[in-house]
């Protein structure tokens, strides 16, 4: 958890000057790195979630935001 927080803090200045897709790609790299400690089926599932295409992420995000309204 602490490592994730450090990644986020380190990425904030860089993300503020980049487009959403590039920021998403950088966060995806961090999520894939977080899967390194998982094994077998857990690792496969973790990697599937970590490598979701940006367009799919954006659609899922829109669905969640619509439900909240």
Protein backbone atom coordinates (compact mmCIF):
# COMPACT_ATOMS: atom_id res chain seq x y z
CA UNK A 1 0.00 0.00 0.00
CA UNK A 2 2.78 2.41 0.86
CA UNK A 3 4.48 1.71 -2.46
CA UNK A 4 1.25 2.55 -4.32
CA UNK A 5 1.03 5.84 -2.46
CA UNK A 6 4.63 6.65 -3.35
CA UNK A 7 3.92 5.89 -7.03
CA UNK A 8 0.92 8.20 -6.98
CA UNK A 9 2.81 11.01 -5.27
CA UNK A 10 5.70 10.67 -7.71
CA UNK A 11 3.39 10.63 -10.71
CA UNK A 12 1.21 13.62 -9.80
CA UNK A 13 3.50 16.34 -11.20
CA UNK A 14 4.06 14.38 -14.39
CA UNK A 15 0.38 13.61 -14.82
CA UNK A 16 -0.67 17.22 -14.48
CA UNK A 17 1.05 18.11 -17.74
CA UNK A 18 0.07 15.00 -19.77
CA UNK A 19 -3.04 13.80 -21.57
CA UNK A 20 -5.40 11.31 -19.93
CA UNK A 21 -4.34 8.38 -22.07
CA UNK A 22 -0.65 8.84 -21.25
CA UNK A 23 -1.46 9.22 -17.56
CA UNK A 24 -3.53 6.05 -17.75
CA UNK A 25 -0.62 4.21 -19.39
CA UNK A 26 1.71 5.26 -16.59
CA UNK A 27 -0.76 4.10 -13.96
CA UNK A 28 -1.18 0.81 -15.84
CA UNK A 29 2.56 0.18 -15.54
CA UNK A 30 2.30 0.66 -11.78
CA UNK A 31 -0.70 -1.70 -11.58
CA UNK A 32 1.17 -4.39 -13.55
CA UNK A 33 4.12 -4.01 -11.20
CA UNK A 34 1.76 -4.56 -8.26
CA UNK A 35 0.81 -7.96 -9.79
CA UNK A 36 4.38 -9.25 -9.47
CA UNK A 37 3.71 -10.69 -6.01
CA UNK A 38 0.68 -12.72 -7.15
CA UNK A 39 0.95 -16.31 -8.43
CA UNK A 40 -1.01 -18.59 -10.73
CA UNK A 41 -4.63 -17.75 -11.39
CA UNK A 42 -4.48 -14.76 -9.03
CA UNK A 43 -1.65 -13.27 -11.09
CA UNK A 44 -3.52 -13.86 -14.36
CA UNK A 45 -6.63 -12.17 -12.98
CA UNK A 46 -4.57 -9.30 -11.59
CA UNK A 47 -2.86 -8.76 -14.95
CA UNK A 48 -6.19 -8.88 -16.80
CA UNK A 49 -7.53 -6.10 -14.60
CA UNK A 50 -4.27 -4.14 -14.69
CA UNK A 51 -4.05 -4.11 -18.47
CA UNK A 52 -7.59 -3.00 -19.29
CA UNK A 53 -7.52 -0.85 -22.47
CA UNK A 54 -8.07 2.86 -21.88
CA UNK A 55 -11.25 2.90 -23.95
CA UNK A 56 -12.73 0.09 -21.85
CA UNK A 57 -11.69 1.86 -18.65
CA UNK A 58 -13.29 5.07 -19.86
CA UNK A 59 -16.58 3.28 -20.68
CA UNK A 60 -16.63 1.56 -17.29
CA UNK A 61 -15.90 4.87 -15.57
CA UNK A 62 -18.80 6.53 -17.40
CA UNK A 63 -21.17 3.72 -16.34
CA UNK A 64 -20.16 4.13 -12.70
CA UNK A 65 -20.56 7.90 -12.82
CA UNK A 66 -24.02 7.57 -14.38
CA UNK A 67 -25.12 5.18 -11.62
CA UNK A 68 -23.96 7.64 -8.96
CA UNK A 69 -26.17 10.44 -10.31
